[in-house]
């Protein structure tokens, strides 16, 4: 078959185009640091990377929600610490003014302090984190404790994922810890009764509050223990999620990232191939033109 100038030209164009394409791919790989720019570059690696990317996103979400839960529980613990201080002070007042050597005026003055402590407790029990009331159970968009001590929340416990498919309690049952719904003592009513007894100069009534307040303090301590254990679980979850996210990032990198040394070598090779192709094409076309003229 006779090789025509047209065939030589078309072959040169094809070879040059392929060389330029290889060079462009090598340049993009070196510039981006990734060997899989498009799924077609390595379908298997691209497919596997999608799974790891999904897992990475899930671990990131778990870590973020676990951190938020830990922060919210920290706010709950701070509030419970304040309420415990209130209960301890109320017990001290009950113990002190349960002594009948105090006058009605003394006890009335103490009642004023108890009323202030009560209001402080209500404020602490209506603590919010972000836009959520943390002691309301699932009813977290409205103040759970009314001014008269009525609890308007519920006993639902929010749960947060700490590992794929594993959940941890992320809230505290204030109805139990504060109101004593499970056979305990209602802190709010106990403080109200103490104030009433102090105002009425009722020594026996004042003394009845001592043991009740002690039980309330124990309930609060148990609640804080629950909070502390949950905080530990969430902090561990955050650490584990961060480690898992890092592992997924490494796996994705191994599948998609370019070997810089190898990529640089192929870039140099592609550049050399293009230059060689251009040189050979130029010589071939020159010789063909010379033959034509000769």
C-alpha atoms as a PDB file:
ATOM      1  CA  UNK A   1       0.000   0.000   0.000  1.00  0.00           C
ATOM      2  CA  UNK A   2       1.322   3.390  -0.988  1.00  0.00           C
ATOM      3  CA  UNK A   3       1.849   5.769   1.952  1.00  0.00           C
ATOM      4  CA  UNK A   4       0.544   9.165   0.958  1.00  0.00           C
ATOM      5  CA  UNK A   5       1.333  12.549   2.413  1.00  0.00           C
ATOM      6  CA  UNK A   6      -2.215  12.680   3.768  1.00  0.00           C
ATOM      7  CA  UNK A   7      -1.716   9.423   5.669  1.00  0.00           C
ATOM      8  CA  UNK A   8       1.571  10.698   7.073  1.00  0.00           C
ATOM      9  CA  UNK A   9      -0.071  13.930   8.180  1.00  0.00           C
ATOM     10  CA  UNK A  10      -3.082  12.174   9.789  1.00  0.00           C
ATOM     11  CA  UNK A  11      -0.809   9.726  11.619  1.00  0.00           C
ATOM     12  CA  UNK A  12       1.312  12.585  12.895  1.00  0.00           C
ATOM     13  CA  UNK A  13      -1.727  14.460  14.128  1.00  0.00           C
ATOM     14  CA  UNK A  14      -3.006  11.343  15.947  1.00  0.00           C
ATOM     15  CA  UNK A  15       0.330  10.637  17.597  1.00  0.00           C
ATOM     16  CA  UNK A  16       0.789  14.262  18.598  1.00  0.00           C
ATOM     17  CA  UNK A  17      -2.733  14.428  20.020  1.00  0.00           C
ATOM     18  CA  UNK A  18      -2.179  11.292  22.095  1.00  0.00           C
ATOM     19  CA  UNK A  19       1.123  12.630  23.391  1.00  0.00           C
ATOM     20  CA  UNK A  20      -0.508  15.910  24.362  1.00  0.00           C
ATOM     21  CA  UNK A  21      -3.322  14.030  26.104  1.00  0.00           C
ATOM     22  CA  UNK A  22      -0.852  11.943  28.120  1.00  0.00           C
ATOM     23  CA  UNK A  23       1.031  15.091  29.055  1.00  0.00           C
ATOM     24  CA  UNK A  24      -2.166  16.845  30.177  1.00  0.00           C
ATOM     25  CA  UNK A  25      -3.158  13.872  32.328  1.00  0.00           C
ATOM     26  CA  UNK A  26       0.273  13.742  33.943  1.00  0.00           C
ATOM     27  CA  UNK A  27       0.230  17.492  34.598  1.00  0.00           C
ATOM     28  CA  UNK A  28      -3.242  17.306  36.187  1.00  0.00           C
ATOM     29  CA  UNK A  29      -2.201  14.404  38.413  1.00  0.00           C
ATOM     30  CA  UNK A  30       0.885  16.238  39.653  1.00  0.00           C
ATOM     31  CA  UNK A  31      -1.026  19.498  40.147  1.00  0.00           C
ATOM     32  CA  UNK A  32      -4.004  17.948  41.963  1.00  0.00           C
ATOM     33  CA  UNK A  33      -2.111  15.293  43.885  1.00  0.00           C
ATOM     34  CA  UNK A  34      -4.751  12.768  42.867  1.00  0.00           C
ATOM     35  CA  UNK A  35      -4.357   9.907  40.465  1.00  0.00           C
ATOM     36  CA  UNK A  36      -8.126   9.388  40.086  1.00  0.00           C
ATOM     37  CA  UNK A  37      -9.508  12.621  38.688  1.00  0.00           C
ATOM     38  CA  UNK A  38     -12.493  10.994  37.002  1.00  0.00           C
ATOM     39  CA  UNK A  39     -14.195   7.678  37.936  1.00  0.00           C
ATOM     40  CA  UNK A  40     -13.036   6.222  34.639  1.00  0.00           C
ATOM     41  CA  UNK A  41      -9.394   6.656  35.662  1.00  0.00           C
ATOM     42  CA  UNK A  42      -9.789   3.726  38.085  1.00  0.00           C
ATOM     43  CA  UNK A  43     -13.411   2.528  38.475  1.00  0.00           C
ATOM     44  CA  UNK A  44     -12.619   0.129  41.320  1.00  0.00           C
ATOM     45  CA  UNK A  45     -10.730   2.711  43.382  1.00  0.00           C
ATOM     46  CA  UNK A  46     -13.388   5.342  42.688  1.00  0.00           C
ATOM     47  CA  UNK A  47     -16.149   2.964  43.821  1.00  0.00           C
ATOM     48  CA  UNK A  48     -14.348   1.968  47.010  1.00  0.00           C
ATOM     49  CA  UNK A  49     -13.579   5.599  47.812  1.00  0.00           C
ATOM     50  CA  UNK A  50     -17.306   6.421  47.726  1.00  0.00           C
ATOM     51  CA  UNK A  51     -17.959   3.908  50.508  1.00  0.00           C
ATOM     52  CA  UNK A  52     -15.117   5.285  52.608  1.00  0.00           C
ATOM     53  CA  UNK A  53     -16.327   8.841  52.002  1.00  0.00           C
ATOM     54  CA  UNK A  54     -19.790   7.895  53.284  1.00  0.00           C
ATOM     55  CA  UNK A  55     -18.263   6.247  56.359  1.00  0.00           C
ATOM     56  CA  UNK A  56     -16.089   9.296  56.984  1.00  0.00           C
ATOM     57  CA  UNK A  57     -19.135  11.576  56.846  1.00  0.00           C
ATOM     58  CA  UNK A  58     -20.993   9.376  59.316  1.00  0.00           C
ATOM     59  CA  UNK A  59     -18.112   9.308  61.800  1.00  0.00           C
ATOM     60  CA  UNK A  60     -17.782  13.064  61.485  1.00  0.00           C
ATOM     61  CA  UNK A  61     -21.498  13.468  62.231  1.00  0.00           C
ATOM     62  CA  UNK A  62     -21.255  11.104  65.214  1.00  0.00           C
ATOM     63  CA  UNK A  63     -18.321  13.050  66.603  1.00  0.00           C
ATOM     64  CA  UNK A  64     -20.102  16.374  66.198  1.00  0.00           C
ATOM     65  CA  UNK A  65     -23.348  15.242  67.839  1.00  0.00           C
ATOM     66  CA  UNK A  66     -21.467  13.481  70.630  1.00  0.00           C
ATOM     67  CA  UNK A  67     -19.503  16.654  71.351  1.00  0.00           C
ATOM     68  CA  UNK A  68     -22.712  18.679  71.462  1.00  0.00           C
ATOM     69  CA  UNK A  69     -24.259  16.140  73.844  1.00  0.00           C
ATOM     70  CA  UNK A  70     -21.177  16.310  76.082  1.00  0.00           C
ATOM     71  CA  UNK A  71     -21.354  20.107  76.121  1.00  0.00           C
ATOM     72  CA  UNK A  72     -25.065  20.018  76.950  1.00  0.00           C
ATOM     73  CA  UNK A  73     -24.475  17.566  79.781  1.00  0.00           C
ATOM     74  CA  UNK A  74     -21.763  19.845  81.090  1.00  0.00           C
ATOM     75  CA  UNK A  75     -24.358  22.627  81.236  1.00  0.00           C
ATOM     76  CA  UNK A  76     -26.733  20.250  83.024  1.00  0.00           C
ATOM     77  CA  UNK A  77     -24.069  19.325  85.564  1.00  0.00           C
ATOM     78  CA  UNK A  78     -23.315  22.986  86.230  1.00  0.00           C
ATOM     79  CA  UNK A  79     -27.015  23.641  86.807  1.00  0.00           C
ATOM     80  CA  UNK A  80     -27.364  20.614  89.098  1.00  0.00           C
ATOM     81  CA  UNK A  81     -24.346  21.806  91.058  1.00  0.00           C
ATOM     82  CA  UNK A  82     -26.102  25.124  91.605  1.00  0.00           C
ATOM     83  CA  UNK A  83     -29.338  23.407  92.609  1.00  0.00           C
ATOM     84  CA  UNK A  84     -27.425  21.218  95.047  1.00  0.00           C
ATOM     85  CA  UNK A  85     -25.968  24.350  96.610  1.00  0.00           C
ATOM     86  CA  UNK A  86     -29.512  25.710  96.950  1.00  0.00           C
ATOM     87  CA  UNK A  87     -30.728  22.475  98.584  1.00  0.00           C
ATOM     88  CA  UNK A  88     -27.761  22.416 100.972  1.00  0.00           C
ATOM     89  CA  UNK A  89     -28.456  25.973 102.051  1.00  0.00           C
ATOM     90  CA  UNK A  90     -32.148  25.210 102.540  1.00  0.00           C
ATOM     91  CA  UNK A  91     -31.205  22.239 104.720  1.00  0.00           C
ATOM     92  CA  UNK A  92     -28.893  24.429 106.792  1.00  0.00           C
ATOM     93  CA  UNK A  93     -31.745  26.890 107.314  1.00  0.00           C
ATOM     94  CA  UNK A  94     -34.128  24.082 108.295  1.00  0.00           C
ATOM     95  CA  UNK A  95     -31.584  22.700 110.756  1.00  0.00           C
ATOM     96  CA  UNK A  96     -30.814  26.083 112.252  1.00  0.00           C
ATOM     97  CA  UNK A  97     -34.310  27.483 112.507  1.00  0.00           C
ATOM     98  CA  UNK A  98     -35.828  24.205 113.568  1.00  0.00           C
ATOM     99  CA  UNK A  99     -34.467  25.166 116.970  1.00  0.00           C
ATOM    100  CA  UNK A 100     -37.348  26.695 118.925  1.00  0.00           C
ATOM    101  CA  UNK A 101     -35.096  29.345 120.460  1.00  0.00           C
ATOM    102  CA  UNK A 102     -35.639  31.397 117.309  1.00  0.00           C
ATOM    103  CA  UNK A 103     -38.463  33.892 117.246  1.00  0.00           C
ATOM    104  CA  UNK A 104     -41.205  34.208 114.671  1.00  0.00           C
ATOM    105  CA  UNK A 105     -39.453  37.276 113.301  1.00  0.00           C
ATOM    106  CA  UNK A 106     -36.218  35.327 112.857  1.00  0.00           C
ATOM    107  CA  UNK A 107     -38.051  32.559 111.052  1.00  0.00           C
ATOM    108  CA  UNK A 108     -39.956  34.983 108.831  1.00  0.00           C
ATOM    109  CA  UNK A 109     -36.656  36.503 107.756  1.00  0.00           C
ATOM    110  CA  UNK A 110     -35.323  33.012 107.003  1.00  0.00           C
ATOM    111  CA  UNK A 111     -38.453  32.344 104.917  1.00  0.00           C
ATOM    112  CA  UNK A 112     -37.542  35.266 102.698  1.00  0.00           C
ATOM    113  CA  UNK A 113     -34.148  33.670 102.037  1.00  0.00           C
ATOM    114  CA  UNK A 114     -35.782  30.317 101.285  1.00  0.00           C
ATOM    115  CA  UNK A 115     -38.105  32.013  98.803  1.00  0.00           C
ATOM    116  CA  UNK A 116     -35.071  33.504  97.075  1.00  0.00           C
ATOM    117  CA  UNK A 117     -33.389  30.097  96.979  1.00  0.00           C
ATOM    118  CA  UNK A 118     -36.554  28.606  95.513  1.00  0.00           C
ATOM    119  CA  UNK A 119     -36.626  31.154  92.697  1.00  0.00           C
ATOM    120  CA  UNK A 120     -32.953  30.484  92.038  1.00  0.00           C
ATOM    121  CA  UNK A 121     -33.714  26.769  91.764  1.00  0.00           C
ATOM    122  CA  UNK A 122     -36.518  27.411  89.251  1.00  0.00           C
ATOM    123  CA  UNK A 123     -34.152  29.543  87.160  1.00  0.00           C
ATOM    124  CA  UNK A 124     -31.461  26.849  87.192  1.00  0.00           C
ATOM    125  CA  UNK A 125     -33.974  24.158  86.294  1.00  0.00           C
ATOM    126  CA  UNK A 126     -34.980  26.182  83.249  1.00  0.00           C
ATOM    127  CA  UNK A 127     -31.404  26.326  81.982  1.00  0.00           C
ATOM    128  CA  UNK A 128     -31.044  26.275  78.209  1.00  0.00           C
ATOM    129  CA  UNK A 129     -28.237  25.098  75.966  1.00  0.00           C
ATOM    130  CA  UNK A 130     -28.500  26.724  72.591  1.00  0.00           C
ATOM    131  CA  UNK A 131     -32.230  27.019  72.082  1.00  0.00           C
ATOM    132  CA  UNK A 132     -33.149  23.906  74.061  1.00  0.00           C
ATOM    133  CA  UNK A 133     -34.322  23.554  77.665  1.00  0.00           C
ATOM    134  CA  UNK A 134     -32.114  20.751  78.930  1.00  0.00           C
ATOM    135  CA  UNK A 135     -34.348  19.530  81.772  1.00  0.00           C
ATOM    136  CA  UNK A 136     -37.576  19.200  79.771  1.00  0.00           C
ATOM    137  CA  UNK A 137     -37.127  15.688  78.412  1.00  0.00           C
ATOM    138  CA  UNK A 138     -38.448  15.631  74.851  1.00  0.00           C
ATOM    139  CA  UNK A 139     -40.361  18.885  75.456  1.00  0.00           C
ATOM    140  CA  UNK A 140     -37.312  21.049  75.024  1.00  0.00           C
ATOM    141  CA  UNK A 141     -38.872  24.128  73.428  1.00  0.00           C
ATOM    142  CA  UNK A 142     -40.627  25.485  76.553  1.00  0.00           C
ATOM    143  CA  UNK A 143     -39.572  26.118  80.152  1.00  0.00           C
ATOM    144  CA  UNK A 144     -40.049  22.807  82.002  1.00  0.00           C
ATOM    145  CA  UNK A 145     -40.563  24.309  85.472  1.00  0.00           C
ATOM    146  CA  UNK A 146     -43.331  26.781  86.245  1.00  0.00           C
ATOM    147  CA  UNK A 147     -42.960  29.410  88.974  1.00  0.00           C
ATOM    148  CA  UNK A 148     -45.094  27.282  91.326  1.00  0.00           C
ATOM    149  CA  UNK A 149     -42.783  24.271  90.851  1.00  0.00           C
ATOM    150  CA  UNK A 150     -45.027  22.370  88.451  1.00  0.00           C
ATOM    151  CA  UNK A 151     -43.053  20.224  86.030  1.00  0.00           C
ATOM    152  CA  UNK A 152     -44.229  20.659  82.439  1.00  0.00           C
ATOM    153  CA  UNK A 153     -41.656  18.444  80.796  1.00  0.00           C
ATOM    154  CA  UNK A 154     -41.780  14.666  80.416  1.00  0.00           C
ATOM    155  CA  UNK A 155     -39.693  11.659  81.415  1.00  0.00           C
ATOM    156  CA  UNK A 156     -38.380  10.935  77.922  1.00  0.00           C
ATOM    157  CA  UNK A 157     -34.619  10.517  77.702  1.00  0.00           C
ATOM    158  CA  UNK A 158     -32.945  11.792  74.550  1.00  0.00           C
ATOM    159  CA  UNK A 159     -30.374   9.442  73.055  1.00  0.00           C
ATOM    160  CA  UNK A 160     -27.433  10.217  70.814  1.00  0.00           C
ATOM    161  CA  UNK A 161     -25.424   7.854  68.616  1.00  0.00           C
ATOM    162  CA  UNK A 162     -21.906   7.327  69.966  1.00  0.00           C
ATOM    163  CA  UNK A 163     -20.895   4.631  67.440  1.00  0.00           C
ATOM    164  CA  UNK A 164     -22.664   3.164  64.418  1.00  0.00           C
ATOM    165  CA  UNK A 165     -25.880   1.671  65.816  1.00  0.00           C
ATOM    166  CA  UNK A 166     -24.964   2.355  69.463  1.00  0.00           C
ATOM    167  CA  UNK A 167     -26.778   5.039  71.464  1.00  0.00           C
ATOM    168  CA  UNK A 168     -26.185   6.742  74.816  1.00  0.00           C
ATOM    169  CA  UNK A 169     -28.623   8.665  77.020  1.00  0.00           C
ATOM    170  CA  UNK A 170     -27.994  12.369  76.505  1.00  0.00           C
ATOM    171  CA  UNK A 171     -30.406  13.959  78.974  1.00  0.00           C
ATOM    172  CA  UNK A 172     -31.484  13.633  82.585  1.00  0.00           C
ATOM    173  CA  UNK A 173     -34.944  12.869  83.963  1.00  0.00           C
ATOM    174  CA  UNK A 174     -35.609  16.002  86.014  1.00  0.00           C
ATOM    175  CA  UNK A 175     -39.017  14.666  87.042  1.00  0.00           C
ATOM    176  CA  UNK A 176     -37.195  11.931  88.938  1.00  0.00           C
ATOM    177  CA  UNK A 177     -34.067  13.755  90.078  1.00  0.00           C
ATOM    178  CA  UNK A 178     -35.808  16.951  91.189  1.00  0.00           C
ATOM    179  CA  UNK A 179     -39.460  16.046  91.649  1.00  0.00           C
ATOM    180  CA  UNK A 180     -38.848  12.555  93.056  1.00  0.00           C
ATOM    181  CA  UNK A 181     -41.383  10.910  90.740  1.00  0.00           C
ATOM    182  CA  UNK A 182     -40.027   7.400  91.415  1.00  0.00           C
ATOM    183  CA  UNK A 183     -40.784   7.315  95.135  1.00  0.00           C
ATOM    184  CA  UNK A 184     -38.396  10.093  96.049  1.00  0.00           C
ATOM    185  CA  UNK A 185     -38.955  13.580  97.432  1.00  0.00           C
ATOM    186  CA  UNK A 186     -40.101  16.673  95.555  1.00  0.00           C
ATOM    187  CA  UNK A 187     -37.438  19.338  96.120  1.00  0.00           C
ATOM    188  CA  UNK A 188     -39.695  22.160  94.991  1.00  0.00           C
ATOM    189  CA  UNK A 189     -42.569  21.223  97.309  1.00  0.00           C
ATOM    190  CA  UNK A 190     -40.168  20.624 100.181  1.00  0.00           C
ATOM    191  CA  UNK A 191     -38.779  24.137  99.824  1.00  0.00           C
ATOM    192  CA  UNK A 192     -42.270  25.594  99.566  1.00  0.00           C
ATOM    193  CA  UNK A 193     -43.315  23.724 102.711  1.00  0.00           C
ATOM    194  CA  UNK A 194     -40.196  24.937 104.509  1.00  0.00           C
ATOM    195  CA  UNK A 195     -41.011  28.532 103.606  1.00  0.00           C
ATOM    196  CA  UNK A 196     -44.596  28.080 104.786  1.00  0.00           C
ATOM    197  CA  UNK A 197     -43.469  26.552 108.114  1.00  0.00           C
ATOM    198  CA  UNK A 198     -40.940  29.330 108.684  1.00  0.00           C
ATOM    199  CA  UNK A 199     -43.557  31.986 107.975  1.00  0.00           C
ATOM    200  CA  UNK A 200     -46.041  30.268 110.308  1.00  0.00           C
ATOM    201  CA  UNK A 201     -43.385  29.850 113.039  1.00  0.00           C
ATOM    202  CA  UNK A 202     -44.042  26.095 112.924  1.00  0.00           C
ATOM    203  CA  UNK A 203     -41.002  24.437 114.493  1.00  0.00           C
ATOM    204  CA  UNK A 204     -42.192  20.876 113.911  1.00  0.00           C
ATOM    205  CA  UNK A 205     -42.921  21.622 110.249  1.00  0.00           C
ATOM    206  CA  UNK A 206     -39.487  23.197 109.823  1.00  0.00           C
ATOM    207  CA  UNK A 207     -37.773  20.143 111.308  1.00  0.00           C
ATOM    208  CA  UNK A 208     -39.663  17.809 108.963  1.00  0.00           C
ATOM    209  CA  UNK A 209     -37.883  19.451 106.069  1.00  0.00           C
ATOM    210  CA  UNK A 210     -34.423  18.423 107.275  1.00  0.00           C
ATOM    211  CA  UNK A 211     -34.617  14.749 106.291  1.00  0.00           C
ATOM    212  CA  UNK A 212     -36.597  15.519 103.147  1.00  0.00           C
ATOM    213  CA  UNK A 213     -33.966  17.944 101.966  1.00  0.00           C
ATOM    214  CA  UNK A 214     -31.271  15.380 102.704  1.00  0.00           C
ATOM    215  CA  UNK A 215     -33.099  12.928 100.422  1.00  0.00           C
ATOM    216  CA  UNK A 216     -33.345  15.634  97.747  1.00  0.00           C
ATOM    217  CA  UNK A 217     -29.602  16.215  97.967  1.00  0.00           C
ATOM    218  CA  UNK A 218     -29.012  12.481  97.511  1.00  0.00           C
ATOM    219  CA  UNK A 219     -31.280  12.486  94.447  1.00  0.00           C
ATOM    220  CA  UNK A 220     -29.333  15.356  92.952  1.00  0.00           C
ATOM    221  CA  UNK A 221     -26.047  13.578  93.630  1.00  0.00           C
ATOM    222  CA  UNK A 222     -27.328  10.463  91.880  1.00  0.00           C
ATOM    223  CA  UNK A 223     -28.373  12.610  88.927  1.00  0.00           C
ATOM    224  CA  UNK A 224     -24.943  14.195  88.715  1.00  0.00           C
ATOM    225  CA  UNK A 225     -23.362  10.739  88.773  1.00  0.00           C
ATOM    226  CA  UNK A 226     -25.485   9.761  85.768  1.00  0.00           C
ATOM    227  CA  UNK A 227     -24.478  12.941  84.003  1.00  0.00           C
ATOM    228  CA  UNK A 228     -20.792  12.332  84.705  1.00  0.00           C
ATOM    229  CA  UNK A 229     -20.909   8.787  83.350  1.00  0.00           C
ATOM    230  CA  UNK A 230     -22.717   9.956  80.213  1.00  0.00           C
ATOM    231  CA  UNK A 231     -20.167  12.747  79.723  1.00  0.00           C
ATOM    232  CA  UNK A 232     -17.342  10.208  79.840  1.00  0.00           C
ATOM    233  CA  UNK A 233     -19.111   8.069  77.229  1.00  0.00           C
ATOM    234  CA  UNK A 234     -19.578  11.008  74.893  1.00  0.00           C
ATOM    235  CA  UNK A 235     -16.015  12.239  75.255  1.00  0.00           C
ATOM    236  CA  UNK A 236     -14.786   8.729  74.457  1.00  0.00           C
ATOM    237  CA  UNK A 237     -17.138   8.683  71.471  1.00  0.00           C
ATOM    238  CA  UNK A 238     -15.714  11.977  70.216  1.00  0.00           C
ATOM    239  CA  UNK A 239     -12.163  10.616  70.440  1.00  0.00           C
ATOM    240  CA  UNK A 240     -13.129   7.359  68.713  1.00  0.00           C
ATOM    241  CA  UNK A 241     -15.031   9.180  65.970  1.00  0.00           C
ATOM    242  CA  UNK A 242     -12.072  11.468  65.298  1.00  0.00           C
ATOM    243  CA  UNK A 243      -9.773   8.452  65.015  1.00  0.00           C
ATOM    244  CA  UNK A 244     -12.209   6.654  62.697  1.00  0.00           C
ATOM    245  CA  UNK A 245     -12.553   9.764  60.542  1.00  0.00           C
ATOM    246  CA  UNK A 246      -8.776   9.920  60.267  1.00  0.00           C
ATOM    247  CA  UNK A 247      -8.607   6.241  59.284  1.00  0.00           C
ATOM    248  CA  UNK A 248     -11.183   6.756  56.536  1.00  0.00           C
ATOM    249  CA  UNK A 249      -9.228   9.748  55.245  1.00  0.00           C
ATOM    250  CA  UNK A 250      -6.099   7.584  55.010  1.00  0.00           C
ATOM    251  CA  UNK A 251      -8.003   4.837  53.170  1.00  0.00           C
ATOM    252  CA  UNK A 252      -9.403   7.329  50.678  1.00  0.00           C
ATOM    253  CA  UNK A 253      -5.937   8.770  50.187  1.00  0.00           C
ATOM    254  CA  UNK A 254      -4.426   5.364  49.460  1.00  0.00           C
ATOM    255  CA  UNK A 255      -7.086   4.765  46.821  1.00  0.00           C
ATOM    256  CA  UNK A 256      -7.068   8.155  45.141  1.00  0.00           C
ATOM    257  CA  UNK A 257      -3.907  10.084  45.960  1.00  0.00           C
ATOM    258  CA  UNK A 258      -1.066  10.134  43.481  1.00  0.00           C
ATOM    259  CA  UNK A 259       2.446   8.928  44.203  1.00  0.00           C
ATOM    260  CA  UNK A 260       4.271  12.212  43.624  1.00  0.00           C
ATOM    261  CA  UNK A 261       7.559  10.566  42.633  1.00  0.00           C
ATOM    262  CA  UNK A 262       5.822   8.246  40.192  1.00  0.00           C
ATOM    263  CA  UNK A 263       3.573  11.022  38.868  1.00  0.00           C
ATOM    264  CA  UNK A 264       6.535  13.349  38.376  1.00  0.00           C
ATOM    265  CA  UNK A 265       8.423  10.629  36.511  1.00  0.00           C
ATOM    266  CA  UNK A 266       5.464  10.031  34.206  1.00  0.00           C
ATOM    267  CA  UNK A 267       5.114  13.783  33.671  1.00  0.00           C
ATOM    268  CA  UNK A 268       8.733  14.011  32.553  1.00  0.00           C
ATOM    269  CA  UNK A 269       8.236  10.981  30.353  1.00  0.00           C
ATOM    270  CA  UNK A 270       5.087  12.451  28.805  1.00  0.00           C
ATOM    271  CA  UNK A 271       6.877  15.726  28.123  1.00  0.00           C
ATOM    272  CA  UNK A 272       9.760  13.861  26.499  1.00  0.00           C
ATOM    273  CA  UNK A 273       7.349  11.760  24.399  1.00  0.00           C
ATOM    274  CA  UNK A 274       5.529  14.865  23.165  1.00  0.00           C
ATOM    275  CA  UNK A 275       8.780  16.580  22.233  1.00  0.00           C
ATOM    276  CA  UNK A 276       9.995  13.443  20.467  1.00  0.00           C
ATOM    277  CA  UNK A 277       6.724  13.104  18.579  1.00  0.00           C
ATOM    278  CA  UNK A 278       6.775  16.729  17.495  1.00  0.00           C
ATOM    279  CA  UNK A 279      10.396  16.412  16.356  1.00  0.00           C
ATOM    280  CA  UNK A 280       9.739  13.194  14.449  1.00  0.00           C
ATOM    281  CA  UNK A 281       6.626  14.641  12.839  1.00  0.00           C
ATOM    282  CA  UNK A 282       8.465  17.755  11.762  1.00  0.00           C
ATOM    283  CA  UNK A 283      11.269  15.687  10.204  1.00  0.00           C
ATOM    284  CA  UNK A 284       8.855  13.380   8.450  1.00  0.00           C
ATOM    285  CA  UNK A 285       6.836  16.201   6.967  1.00  0.00           C
ATOM    286  CA  UNK A 286      10.021  18.036   5.946  1.00  0.00           C
ATOM    287  CA  UNK A 287      11.393  14.978   4.156  1.00  0.00           C
ATOM    288  CA  UNK A 288       8.080  14.375   2.464  1.00  0.00           C
ATOM    289  CA  UNK A 289       8.002  17.973   1.267  1.00  0.00           C
ATOM    290  CA  UNK A 290      11.589  17.726   0.059  1.00  0.00           C
ATOM    291  CA  UNK A 291      10.779  14.588  -1.939  1.00  0.00           C
ATOM    292  CA  UNK A 292       7.787  16.317  -3.397  1.00  0.00           C
ATOM    293  CA  UNK A 293       9.831  19.314  -4.505  1.00  0.00           C
ATOM    294  CA  UNK A 294      12.716  17.178  -5.742  1.00  0.00           C
END
